[in-house]
PDB file of N, CA and C in Angstrom:
ATOM      1  N   UNK A   1      89.949  83.743 220.563  1.00  0.00           N
ATOM      2  CA  UNK A   1      90.050  82.618 221.425  1.00  0.00           C
ATOM      3  C   UNK A   1      89.650  82.944 222.865  1.00  0.00           C
ATOM      4  N   UNK A   2      89.263  84.200 223.128  1.00  0.00           N
ATOM      5  CA  UNK A   2      88.797  84.515 224.454  1.00  0.00           C
ATOM      6  C   UNK A   2      89.911  84.770 225.446  1.00  0.00           C
ATOM      7  N   UNK A   3      91.081  85.205 224.969  1.00  0.00           N
ATOM      8  CA  UNK A   3      92.179  85.485 225.929  1.00  0.00           C
ATOM      9  C   UNK A   3      91.880  86.782 226.595  1.00  0.00           C
ATOM     10  N   UNK A   4      92.225  86.839 227.901  1.00  0.00           N
ATOM     11  CA  UNK A   4      91.956  88.032 228.669  1.00  0.00           C
ATOM     12  C   UNK A   4      93.203  88.911 228.830  1.00  0.00           C
ATOM     13  N   UNK A   5      94.337  88.475 228.330  1.00  0.00           N
ATOM     14  CA  UNK A   5      95.554  89.267 228.490  1.00  0.00           C
ATOM     15  C   UNK A   5      95.739  90.200 227.293  1.00  0.00           C
ATOM     16  N   UNK A   6      96.655  91.096 227.408  1.00  0.00           N
ATOM     17  CA  UNK A   6      96.916  92.124 226.441  1.00  0.00           C
ATOM     18  C   UNK A   6      97.944  91.705 225.458  1.00  0.00           C
ATOM     19  N   UNK A   7      97.774  92.066 224.161  1.00  0.00           N
ATOM     20  CA  UNK A   7      98.773  91.824 223.144  1.00  0.00           C
ATOM     21  C   UNK A   7      99.925  92.792 223.364  1.00  0.00           C
ATOM     22  N   UNK A   8     101.185  92.269 223.406  1.00  0.00           N
ATOM     23  CA  UNK A   8     102.339  93.133 223.619  1.00  0.00           C
ATOM     24  C   UNK A   8     103.215  93.210 222.423  1.00  0.00           C
ATOM     25  N   UNK A   9     102.951  92.460 221.374  1.00  0.00           N
ATOM     26  CA  UNK A   9     103.696  92.489 220.140  1.00  0.00           C
ATOM     27  C   UNK A   9     103.354  91.353 219.220  1.00  0.00           C
ATOM     28  N   UNK A  10     104.158  91.223 218.162  1.00  0.00           N
ATOM     29  CA  UNK A  10     103.948  90.155 217.183  1.00  0.00           C
ATOM     30  C   UNK A  10     105.251  89.466 216.902  1.00  0.00           C
ATOM     31  N   UNK A  11     105.138  88.224 216.480  1.00  0.00           N
ATOM     32  CA  UNK A  11     106.289  87.450 215.969  1.00  0.00           C
ATOM     33  C   UNK A  11     106.697  88.081 214.648  1.00  0.00           C
ATOM     34  N   UNK A  12     107.955  88.370 214.449  1.00  0.00           N
ATOM     35  CA  UNK A  12     108.364  88.999 213.202  1.00  0.00           C
ATOM     36  C   UNK A  12     108.299  88.026 212.021  1.00  0.00           C
ATOM     37  N   UNK A  13     108.395  86.722 212.279  1.00  0.00           N
ATOM     38  CA  UNK A  13     108.375  85.747 211.211  1.00  0.00           C
ATOM     39  C   UNK A  13     106.984  85.390 210.697  1.00  0.00           C
ATOM     40  N   UNK A  14     106.012  85.178 211.604  1.00  0.00           N
ATOM     41  CA  UNK A  14     104.712  84.741 211.183  1.00  0.00           C
ATOM     42  C   UNK A  14     103.565  85.682 211.570  1.00  0.00           C
ATOM     43  N   UNK A  15     103.912  86.776 212.213  1.00  0.00           N
ATOM     44  CA  UNK A  15     102.965  87.824 212.615  1.00  0.00           C
ATOM     45  C   UNK A  15     101.898  87.385 213.610  1.00  0.00           C
ATOM     46  N   UNK A  16     102.185  86.299 214.334  1.00  0.00           N
ATOM     47  CA  UNK A  16     101.289  85.826 215.402  1.00  0.00           C
ATOM     48  C   UNK A  16     101.294  86.837 216.556  1.00  0.00           C
ATOM     49  N   UNK A  17     100.133  87.138 217.108  1.00  0.00           N
ATOM     50  CA  UNK A  17     100.084  88.050 218.259  1.00  0.00           C
ATOM     51  C   UNK A  17     100.669  87.381 219.466  1.00  0.00           C
ATOM     52  N   UNK A  18     101.487  88.101 220.224  1.00  0.00           N
ATOM     53  CA  UNK A  18     102.086  87.617 221.451  1.00  0.00           C
ATOM     54  C   UNK A  18     101.407  88.357 222.602  1.00  0.00           C
ATOM     55  N   UNK A  19     100.835  87.564 223.505  1.00  0.00           N
ATOM     56  CA  UNK A  19     100.104  88.103 224.641  1.00  0.00           C
ATOM     57  C   UNK A  19     101.045  88.224 225.865  1.00  0.00           C
ATOM     58  N   UNK A  20     100.646  89.038 226.821  1.00  0.00           N
ATOM     59  CA  UNK A  20     101.544  89.255 227.992  1.00  0.00           C
ATOM     60  C   UNK A  20     101.730  88.065 228.881  1.00  0.00           C
ATOM     61  N   UNK A  21     100.925  87.024 228.713  1.00  0.00           N
ATOM     62  CA  UNK A  21     101.119  85.795 229.494  1.00  0.00           C
ATOM     63  C   UNK A  21     101.897  84.722 228.701  1.00  0.00           C
ATOM     64  N   UNK A  22     102.510  85.107 227.578  1.00  0.00           N
ATOM     65  CA  UNK A  22     103.291  84.191 226.738  1.00  0.00           C
ATOM     66  C   UNK A  22     104.489  83.736 227.572  1.00  0.00           C
ATOM     67  N   UNK A  23     104.718  82.405 227.702  1.00  0.00           N
ATOM     68  CA  UNK A  23     105.784  81.913 228.628  1.00  0.00           C
ATOM     69  C   UNK A  23     107.138  81.687 227.989  1.00  0.00           C
ATOM     70  N   UNK A  24     107.292  81.873 226.674  1.00  0.00           N
ATOM     71  CA  UNK A  24     108.531  81.476 225.982  1.00  0.00           C
ATOM     72  C   UNK A  24     109.220  82.691 225.329  1.00  0.00           C
ATOM     73  N   UNK A  25     110.519  82.531 225.065  1.00  0.00           N
ATOM     74  CA  UNK A  25     111.285  83.544 224.344  1.00  0.00           C
ATOM     75  C   UNK A  25     111.222  83.315 222.825  1.00  0.00           C
ATOM     76  N   UNK A  26     110.382  82.405 222.418  1.00  0.00           N
ATOM     77  CA  UNK A  26     110.181  82.101 221.004  1.00  0.00           C
ATOM     78  C   UNK A  26     108.668  82.020 220.708  1.00  0.00           C
ATOM     79  N   UNK A  27     108.366  82.082 219.447  1.00  0.00           N
ATOM     80  CA  UNK A  27     106.959  81.984 219.013  1.00  0.00           C
ATOM     81  C   UNK A  27     106.509  80.523 219.114  1.00  0.00           C
ATOM     82  N   UNK A  28     105.406  80.258 219.770  1.00  0.00           N
ATOM     83  CA  UNK A  28     104.973  78.884 219.930  1.00  0.00           C
ATOM     84  C   UNK A  28     104.240  78.404 218.700  1.00  0.00           C
ATOM     85  N   UNK A  29     104.071  79.252 217.676  1.00  0.00           N
ATOM     86  CA  UNK A  29     103.430  78.840 216.404  1.00  0.00           C
ATOM     87  C   UNK A  29     104.532  78.419 215.386  1.00  0.00           C
ATOM     88  N   UNK A  30     105.551  79.239 215.203  1.00  0.00           N
ATOM     89  CA  UNK A  30     106.525  78.962 214.176  1.00  0.00           C
ATOM     90  C   UNK A  30     107.934  78.632 214.719  1.00  0.00           C
ATOM     91  N   UNK A  31     108.165  78.928 216.016  1.00  0.00           N
ATOM     92  CA  UNK A  31     109.456  78.626 216.639  1.00  0.00           C
ATOM     93  C   UNK A  31     110.499  79.681 216.501  1.00  0.00           C
ATOM     94  N   UNK A  32     110.217  80.793 215.805  1.00  0.00           N
ATOM     95  CA  UNK A  32     111.181  81.862 215.640  1.00  0.00           C
ATOM     96  C   UNK A  32     111.423  82.595 216.941  1.00  0.00           C
ATOM     97  N   UNK A  33     112.643  83.087 217.177  1.00  0.00           N
ATOM     98  CA  UNK A  33     112.898  83.855 218.394  1.00  0.00           C
ATOM     99  C   UNK A  33     112.076  85.160 218.328  1.00  0.00           C
ATOM    100  N   UNK A  34     111.580  85.581 219.488  1.00  0.00           N
ATOM    101  CA  UNK A  34     110.814  86.816 219.541  1.00  0.00           C
ATOM    102  C   UNK A  34     111.729  88.004 219.522  1.00  0.00           C
ATOM    103  N   UNK A  35     111.266  89.140 219.057  1.00  0.00           N
ATOM    104  CA  UNK A  35     112.113  90.376 219.080  1.00  0.00           C
ATOM    105  C   UNK A  35     112.426  90.756 220.510  1.00  0.00           C
ATOM    106  N   UNK A  36     113.571  91.384 220.692  1.00  0.00           N
ATOM    107  CA  UNK A  36     114.033  91.752 222.052  1.00  0.00           C
ATOM    108  C   UNK A  36     113.018  92.644 222.801  1.00  0.00           C
ATOM    109  N   UNK A  37     112.366  93.532 222.106  1.00  0.00           N
ATOM    110  CA  UNK A  37     111.411  94.418 222.785  1.00  0.00           C
ATOM    111  C   UNK A  37     110.203  93.611 223.305  1.00  0.00           C
ATOM    112  N   UNK A  38     109.810  92.584 222.570  1.00  0.00           N
ATOM    113  CA  UNK A  38     108.700  91.737 223.026  1.00  0.00           C
ATOM    114  C   UNK A  38     109.162  90.878 224.206  1.00  0.00           C
ATOM    115  N   UNK A  39     110.340  90.266 224.110  1.00  0.00           N
ATOM    116  CA  UNK A  39     110.859  89.462 225.186  1.00  0.00           C
ATOM    117  C   UNK A  39     110.976  90.284 226.495  1.00  0.00           C
ATOM    118  N   UNK A  40     111.420  91.525 226.360  1.00  0.00           N
ATOM    119  CA  UNK A  40     111.602  92.404 227.525  1.00  0.00           C
ATOM    120  C   UNK A  40     110.263  92.737 228.218  1.00  0.00           C
ATOM    121  N   UNK A  41     109.199  92.679 227.462  1.00  0.00           N
ATOM    122  CA  UNK A  41     107.889  92.983 228.010  1.00  0.00           C
ATOM    123  C   UNK A  41     107.160  91.765 228.605  1.00  0.00           C
ATOM    124  N   UNK A  42     107.735  90.601 228.476  1.00  0.00           N
ATOM    125  CA  UNK A  42     107.057  89.387 228.986  1.00  0.00           C
ATOM    126  C   UNK A  42     107.404  89.167 230.451  1.00  0.00           C
ATOM    127  N   UNK A  43     106.405  89.233 231.331  1.00  0.00           N
ATOM    128  CA  UNK A  43     106.667  89.058 232.735  1.00  0.00           C
ATOM    129  C   UNK A  43     107.309  87.708 233.073  1.00  0.00           C
ATOM    130  N   UNK A  44     106.925  86.673 232.361  1.00  0.00           N
ATOM    131  CA  UNK A  44     107.446  85.310 232.645  1.00  0.00           C
ATOM    132  C   UNK A  44     108.965  85.214 232.350  1.00  0.00           C
ATOM    133  N   UNK A  45     109.501  86.152 231.581  1.00  0.00           N
ATOM    134  CA  UNK A  45     110.902  86.081 231.217  1.00  0.00           C
ATOM    135  C   UNK A  45     111.754  87.125 231.926  1.00  0.00           C
ATOM    136  N   UNK A  46     111.197  87.791 232.918  1.00  0.00           N
ATOM    137  CA  UNK A  46     111.887  88.897 233.577  1.00  0.00           C
ATOM    138  C   UNK A  46     112.852  88.427 234.673  1.00  0.00           C
ATOM    139  N   UNK A  47     112.941  87.116 234.915  1.00  0.00           N
ATOM    140  CA  UNK A  47     113.944  86.694 235.896  1.00  0.00           C
ATOM    141  C   UNK A  47     115.330  86.960 235.342  1.00  0.00           C
ATOM    142  N   UNK A  48     116.281  87.233 236.183  1.00  0.00           N
ATOM    143  CA  UNK A  48     117.619  87.550 235.724  1.00  0.00           C
ATOM    144  C   UNK A  48     118.172  86.383 234.875  1.00  0.00           C
ATOM    145  N   UNK A  49     118.852  86.687 233.795  1.00  0.00           N
ATOM    146  CA  UNK A  49     119.405  85.583 232.980  1.00  0.00           C
ATOM    147  C   UNK A  49     120.531  84.864 233.703  1.00  0.00           C
ATOM    148  N   UNK A  50     120.545  83.552 233.527  1.00  0.00           N
ATOM    149  CA  UNK A  50     121.615  82.748 234.130  1.00  0.00           C
ATOM    150  C   UNK A  50     122.885  83.011 233.385  1.00  0.00           C
ATOM    151  N   UNK A  51     124.012  83.114 234.096  1.00  0.00           N
ATOM    152  CA  UNK A  51     125.257  83.293 233.394  1.00  0.00           C
ATOM    153  C   UNK A  51     125.563  82.055 232.537  1.00  0.00           C
ATOM    154  N   UNK A  52     126.146  82.275 231.413  1.00  0.00           N
ATOM    155  CA  UNK A  52     126.563  81.158 230.579  1.00  0.00           C
ATOM    156  C   UNK A  52     127.814  80.545 231.136  1.00  0.00           C
ATOM    157  N   UNK A  53     127.671  79.286 231.547  1.00  0.00           N
ATOM    158  CA  UNK A  53     128.780  78.575 232.142  1.00  0.00           C
ATOM    159  C   UNK A  53     129.601  77.928 231.069  1.00  0.00           C
ATOM    160  N   UNK A  54     130.909  77.796 231.312  1.00  0.00           N
ATOM    161  CA  UNK A  54     131.785  77.137 230.368  1.00  0.00           C
ATOM    162  C   UNK A  54     132.051  75.683 230.742  1.00  0.00           C
ATOM    163  N   UNK A  55     131.286  75.159 231.699  1.00  0.00           N
ATOM    164  CA  UNK A  55     131.411  73.740 232.010  1.00  0.00           C
ATOM    165  C   UNK A  55     130.886  72.947 230.842  1.00  0.00           C
ATOM    166  N   UNK A  56     131.236  71.703 230.758  1.00  0.00           N
ATOM    167  CA  UNK A  56     130.798  70.873 229.656  1.00  0.00           C
ATOM    168  C   UNK A  56     131.778  70.856 228.506  1.00  0.00           C
ATOM    169  N   UNK A  57     131.313  70.208 227.442  1.00  0.00           N
ATOM    170  CA  UNK A  57     132.205  70.038 226.255  1.00  0.00           C
ATOM    171  C   UNK A  57     131.502  70.571 225.032  1.00  0.00           C
ATOM    172  N   UNK A  58     132.251  70.971 224.014  1.00  0.00           N
ATOM    173  CA  UNK A  58     131.641  71.324 222.763  1.00  0.00           C
ATOM    174  C   UNK A  58     131.132  70.066 222.072  1.00  0.00           C
ATOM    175  N   UNK A  59     130.202  70.219 221.142  1.00  0.00           N
ATOM    176  CA  UNK A  59     129.648  69.090 220.430  1.00  0.00           C
ATOM    177  C   UNK A  59     129.935  69.240 218.951  1.00  0.00           C
ATOM    178  N   UNK A  60     130.534  68.213 218.368  1.00  0.00           N
ATOM    179  CA  UNK A  60     130.799  68.181 216.933  1.00  0.00           C
ATOM    180  C   UNK A  60     130.189  66.936 216.339  1.00  0.00           C
ATOM    181  N   UNK A  61     129.375  67.136 215.296  1.00  0.00           N
ATOM    182  CA  UNK A  61     128.691  66.000 214.629  1.00  0.00           C
ATOM    183  C   UNK A  61     129.016  66.080 213.188  1.00  0.00           C
ATOM    184  N   UNK A  62     129.520  64.989 212.593  1.00  0.00           N
ATOM    185  CA  UNK A  62     129.911  64.915 211.154  1.00  0.00           C
ATOM    186  C   UNK A  62     130.791  66.090 210.764  1.00  0.00           C
ATOM    187  N   UNK A  63     131.741  66.420 211.660  1.00  0.00           N
ATOM    188  CA  UNK A  63     132.698  67.469 211.373  1.00  0.00           C
ATOM    189  C   UNK A  63     132.182  68.891 211.538  1.00  0.00           C
ATOM    190  N   UNK A  64     130.969  69.058 212.038  1.00  0.00           N
ATOM    191  CA  UNK A  64     130.413  70.401 212.183  1.00  0.00           C
ATOM    192  C   UNK A  64     130.147  70.689 213.665  1.00  0.00           C
ATOM    193  N   UNK A  65     130.493  71.887 214.109  1.00  0.00           N
ATOM    194  CA  UNK A  65     130.200  72.314 215.498  1.00  0.00           C
ATOM    195  C   UNK A  65     128.705  72.469 215.597  1.00  0.00           C
ATOM    196  N   UNK A  66     128.139  72.004 216.713  1.00  0.00           N
ATOM    197  CA  UNK A  66     126.684  72.053 216.944  1.00  0.00           C
ATOM    198  C   UNK A  66     126.446  72.926 218.176  1.00  0.00           C
ATOM    199  N   UNK A  67     125.510  73.845 218.044  1.00  0.00           N
ATOM    200  CA  UNK A  67     125.060  74.632 219.187  1.00  0.00           C
ATOM    201  C   UNK A  67     123.665  74.184 219.560  1.00  0.00           C
ATOM    202  N   UNK A  68     123.227  74.543 220.746  1.00  0.00           N
ATOM    203  CA  UNK A  68     121.919  74.179 221.218  1.00  0.00           C
ATOM    204  C   UNK A  68     120.841  74.840 220.322  1.00  0.00           C
ATOM    205  N   UNK A  69     119.848  74.040 219.878  1.00  0.00           N
ATOM    206  CA  UNK A  69     118.826  74.617 219.001  1.00  0.00           C
ATOM    207  C   UNK A  69     117.878  75.570 219.724  1.00  0.00           C
ATOM    208  N   UNK A  70     117.885  75.558 221.040  1.00  0.00           N
ATOM    209  CA  UNK A  70     116.998  76.423 221.781  1.00  0.00           C
ATOM    210  C   UNK A  70     117.687  77.754 222.147  1.00  0.00           C
ATOM    211  N   UNK A  71     118.900  77.705 222.768  1.00  0.00           N
ATOM    212  CA  UNK A  71     119.507  78.932 223.245  1.00  0.00           C
ATOM    213  C   UNK A  71     120.813  79.253 222.551  1.00  0.00           C
ATOM    214  N   UNK A  72     121.288  78.412 221.601  1.00  0.00           N
ATOM    215  CA  UNK A  72     122.516  78.635 220.814  1.00  0.00           C
ATOM    216  C   UNK A  72     123.818  78.480 221.669  1.00  0.00           C
ATOM    217  N   UNK A  73     123.694  77.980 222.889  1.00  0.00           N
ATOM    218  CA  UNK A  73     124.901  77.777 223.714  1.00  0.00           C
ATOM    219  C   UNK A  73     125.743  76.666 223.083  1.00  0.00           C
ATOM    220  N   UNK A  74     127.034  76.658 223.378  1.00  0.00           N
ATOM    221  CA  UNK A  74     127.927  75.692 222.699  1.00  0.00           C
ATOM    222  C   UNK A  74     128.580  74.662 223.621  1.00  0.00           C
ATOM    223  N   UNK A  75     128.055  74.518 224.875  1.00  0.00           N
ATOM    224  CA  UNK A  75     128.671  73.553 225.790  1.00  0.00           C
ATOM    225  C   UNK A  75     127.607  72.581 226.301  1.00  0.00           C
ATOM    226  N   UNK A  76     127.967  71.293 226.387  1.00  0.00           N
ATOM    227  CA  UNK A  76     127.051  70.234 226.758  1.00  0.00           C
ATOM    228  C   UNK A  76     127.627  69.281 227.799  1.00  0.00           C
ATOM    229  N   UNK A  77     126.806  68.778 228.660  1.00  0.00           N
ATOM    230  CA  UNK A  77     127.189  67.645 229.515  1.00  0.00           C
ATOM    231  C   UNK A  77     126.799  66.388 228.772  1.00  0.00           C
ATOM    232  N   UNK A  78     127.634  65.387 228.832  1.00  0.00           N
ATOM    233  CA  UNK A  78     127.378  64.178 228.009  1.00  0.00           C
ATOM    234  C   UNK A  78     127.345  62.937 228.873  1.00  0.00           C
ATOM    235  N   UNK A  79     126.523  61.988 228.397  1.00  0.00           N
ATOM    236  CA  UNK A  79     126.444  60.702 229.080  1.00  0.00           C
ATOM    237  C   UNK A  79     125.843  59.677 228.100  1.00  0.00           C
ATOM    238  N   UNK A  80     125.906  58.428 228.501  1.00  0.00           N
ATOM    239  CA  UNK A  80     125.330  57.348 227.694  1.00  0.00           C
ATOM    240  C   UNK A  80     124.032  56.913 228.402  1.00  0.00           C
ATOM    241  N   UNK A  81     122.972  56.727 227.644  1.00  0.00           N
ATOM    242  CA  UNK A  81     121.682  56.293 228.208  1.00  0.00           C
ATOM    243  C   UNK A  81     121.228  55.027 227.512  1.00  0.00           C
ATOM    244  N   UNK A  82     120.605  54.138 228.259  1.00  0.00           N
ATOM    245  CA  UNK A  82     120.013  52.952 227.758  1.00  0.00           C
ATOM    246  C   UNK A  82     118.707  53.313 227.068  1.00  0.00           C
ATOM    247  N   UNK A  83     118.514  52.903 225.842  1.00  0.00           N
ATOM    248  CA  UNK A  83     117.269  53.186 225.094  1.00  0.00           C
ATOM    249  C   UNK A  83     116.272  52.121 225.454  1.00  0.00           C
ATOM    250  N   UNK A  84     115.065  52.506 225.938  1.00  0.00           N
ATOM    251  CA  UNK A  84     114.063  51.540 226.321  1.00  0.00           C
ATOM    252  C   UNK A  84     113.721  50.586 225.190  1.00  0.00           C
ATOM    253  N   UNK A  85     113.285  49.362 225.487  1.00  0.00           N
ATOM    254  CA  UNK A  85     112.956  48.343 224.524  1.00  0.00           C
ATOM    255  C   UNK A  85     112.132  48.782 223.360  1.00  0.00           C
ATOM    256  N   UNK A  86     110.930  49.379 223.588  1.00  0.00           N
ATOM    257  CA  UNK A  86     110.058  49.754 222.447  1.00  0.00           C
ATOM    258  C   UNK A  86     110.766  50.774 221.529  1.00  0.00           C
ATOM    259  N   UNK A  87     111.485  51.721 222.129  1.00  0.00           N
ATOM    260  CA  UNK A  87     112.163  52.716 221.275  1.00  0.00           C
ATOM    261  C   UNK A  87     113.288  52.087 220.489  1.00  0.00           C
ATOM    262  N   UNK A  88     114.018  51.136 221.115  1.00  0.00           N
ATOM    263  CA  UNK A  88     115.097  50.457 220.387  1.00  0.00           C
ATOM    264  C   UNK A  88     114.497  49.617 219.254  1.00  0.00           C
ATOM    265  N   UNK A  89     113.389  48.966 219.465  1.00  0.00           N
ATOM    266  CA  UNK A  89     112.744  48.173 218.416  1.00  0.00           C
ATOM    267  C   UNK A  89     112.297  49.068 217.273  1.00  0.00           C
ATOM    268  N   UNK A  90     111.829  50.280 217.607  1.00  0.00           N
ATOM    269  CA  UNK A  90     111.391  51.243 216.566  1.00  0.00           C
ATOM    270  C   UNK A  90     112.527  51.565 215.622  1.00  0.00           C
ATOM    271  N   UNK A  91     113.757  51.695 216.212  1.00  0.00           N
ATOM    272  CA  UNK A  91     114.868  52.028 215.373  1.00  0.00           C
ATOM    273  C   UNK A  91     115.603  50.831 214.803  1.00  0.00           C
ATOM    274  N   UNK A  92     115.012  49.659 214.971  1.00  0.00           N
ATOM    275  CA  UNK A  92     115.558  48.411 214.408  1.00  0.00           C
ATOM    276  C   UNK A  92     116.749  47.855 215.172  1.00  0.00           C
ATOM    277  N   UNK A  93     116.808  48.155 216.467  1.00  0.00           N
ATOM    278  CA  UNK A  93     117.902  47.676 217.266  1.00  0.00           C
ATOM    279  C   UNK A  93     117.370  46.647 218.234  1.00  0.00           C
ATOM    280  N   UNK A  94     118.134  45.626 218.535  1.00  0.00           N
ATOM    281  CA  UNK A  94     117.682  44.550 219.469  1.00  0.00           C
ATOM    282  C   UNK A  94     118.705  44.496 220.587  1.00  0.00           C
ATOM    283  N   UNK A  95     118.245  44.017 221.747  1.00  0.00           N
ATOM    284  CA  UNK A  95     119.107  43.927 222.889  1.00  0.00           C
ATOM    285  C   UNK A  95     119.234  45.257 223.592  1.00  0.00           C
ATOM    286  N   UNK A  96     120.397  45.525 224.144  1.00  0.00           N
ATOM    287  CA  UNK A  96     120.620  46.725 224.887  1.00  0.00           C
ATOM    288  C   UNK A  96     121.167  47.845 223.998  1.00  0.00           C
ATOM    289  N   UNK A  97     120.300  48.670 223.460  1.00  0.00           N
ATOM    290  CA  UNK A  97     120.735  49.777 222.670  1.00  0.00           C
ATOM    291  C   UNK A  97     121.066  50.983 223.565  1.00  0.00           C
ATOM    292  N   UNK A  98     122.114  51.703 223.265  1.00  0.00           N
ATOM    293  CA  UNK A  98     122.500  52.885 223.975  1.00  0.00           C
ATOM    294  C   UNK A  98     122.526  54.069 223.054  1.00  0.00           C
ATOM    295  N   UNK A  99     122.368  55.224 223.680  1.00  0.00           N
ATOM    296  CA  UNK A  99     122.444  56.506 222.922  1.00  0.00           C
ATOM    297  C   UNK A  99     123.313  57.485 223.701  1.00  0.00           C
ATOM    298  N   UNK A 100     124.014  58.305 222.973  1.00  0.00           N
ATOM    299  CA  UNK A 100     124.800  59.406 223.602  1.00  0.00           C
ATOM    300  C   UNK A 100     123.873  60.557 223.807  1.00  0.00           C
ATOM    301  N   UNK A 101     123.852  61.124 224.992  1.00  0.00           N
ATOM    302  CA  UNK A 101     123.039  62.294 225.247  1.00  0.00           C
ATOM    303  C   UNK A 101     123.916  63.507 225.527  1.00  0.00           C
ATOM    304  N   UNK A 102     123.463  64.646 225.054  1.00  0.00           N
ATOM    305  CA  UNK A 102     124.168  65.905 225.277  1.00  0.00           C
ATOM    306  C   UNK A 102     123.135  66.897 225.815  1.00  0.00           C
ATOM    307  N   UNK A 103     123.395  67.383 227.064  1.00  0.00           N
ATOM    308  CA  UNK A 103     122.462  68.306 227.725  1.00  0.00           C
ATOM    309  C   UNK A 103     123.147  69.684 227.749  1.00  0.00           C
ATOM    310  N   UNK A 104     122.463  70.665 227.186  1.00  0.00           N
ATOM    311  CA  UNK A 104     122.944  72.042 227.164  1.00  0.00           C
ATOM    312  C   UNK A 104     123.146  72.537 228.613  1.00  0.00           C
ATOM    313  N   UNK A 105     124.343  73.050 228.925  1.00  0.00           N
ATOM    314  CA  UNK A 105     124.561  73.487 230.280  1.00  0.00           C
ATOM    315  C   UNK A 105     123.825  74.837 230.567  1.00  0.00           C
ATOM    316  N   UNK A 106     123.342  75.486 229.527  1.00  0.00           N
ATOM    317  CA  UNK A 106     122.656  76.787 229.768  1.00  0.00           C
ATOM    318  C   UNK A 106     121.138  76.592 229.960  1.00  0.00           C
ATOM    319  N   UNK A 107     120.464  75.879 229.049  1.00  0.00           N
ATOM    320  CA  UNK A 107     119.020  75.750 229.150  1.00  0.00           C
ATOM    321  C   UNK A 107     118.520  74.340 229.413  1.00  0.00           C
ATOM    322  N   UNK A 108     119.422  73.353 229.479  1.00  0.00           N
ATOM    323  CA  UNK A 108     119.115  71.957 229.828  1.00  0.00           C
ATOM    324  C   UNK A 108     118.405  71.182 228.725  1.00  0.00           C
ATOM    325  N   UNK A 109     118.337  71.693 227.487  1.00  0.00           N
ATOM    326  CA  UNK A 109     117.755  70.935 226.370  1.00  0.00           C
ATOM    327  C   UNK A 109     118.603  69.740 226.099  1.00  0.00           C
ATOM    328  N   UNK A 110     118.003  68.584 225.828  1.00  0.00           N
ATOM    329  CA  UNK A 110     118.748  67.327 225.636  1.00  0.00           C
ATOM    330  C   UNK A 110     118.722  66.902 224.158  1.00  0.00           C
ATOM    331  N   UNK A 111     119.858  66.580 223.627  1.00  0.00           N
ATOM    332  CA  UNK A 111     119.997  66.003 222.292  1.00  0.00           C
ATOM    333  C   UNK A 111     120.440  64.537 222.454  1.00  0.00           C
ATOM    334  N   UNK A 112     119.795  63.682 221.645  1.00  0.00           N
ATOM    335  CA  UNK A 112     120.088  62.241 221.667  1.00  0.00           C
ATOM    336  C   UNK A 112     120.725  61.834 220.327  1.00  0.00           C
ATOM    337  N   UNK A 113     121.761  61.020 220.398  1.00  0.00           N
ATOM    338  CA  UNK A 113     122.389  60.476 219.196  1.00  0.00           C
ATOM    339  C   UNK A 113     122.587  58.993 219.383  1.00  0.00           C
ATOM    340  N   UNK A 114     122.020  58.223 218.463  1.00  0.00           N
ATOM    341  CA  UNK A 114     122.168  56.765 218.509  1.00  0.00           C
ATOM    342  C   UNK A 114     123.300  56.344 217.548  1.00  0.00           C
ATOM    343  N   UNK A 115     123.972  55.304 217.941  1.00  0.00           N
ATOM    344  CA  UNK A 115     125.056  54.799 217.123  1.00  0.00           C
ATOM    345  C   UNK A 115     124.493  53.850 216.086  1.00  0.00           C
TER     346      UNK A 115
END
């Protein structure tokens, strides 16, 4: 593909080459977490890790504890959001549809749940 950067390792799950300019802690092909040695060699990830804060609330769905699918943190900030008209229509809802949102306090990934 004409990349000018150096290969620093491979994804253990799918064997995709990981280059030194890779911006994520996971494989962008299969989504698997990268090995610790590969993550440590990525310049984009060398900023000091943010401390895991205990602000927020745990999330339980259908009787099961849910952790963030990105960073596995277990605390979320929660709010209610108005679902825009086209999206509400897509889900078969009319009028003012709302969804509960849960934002991971560690990485800010947002989960949406509609009633």
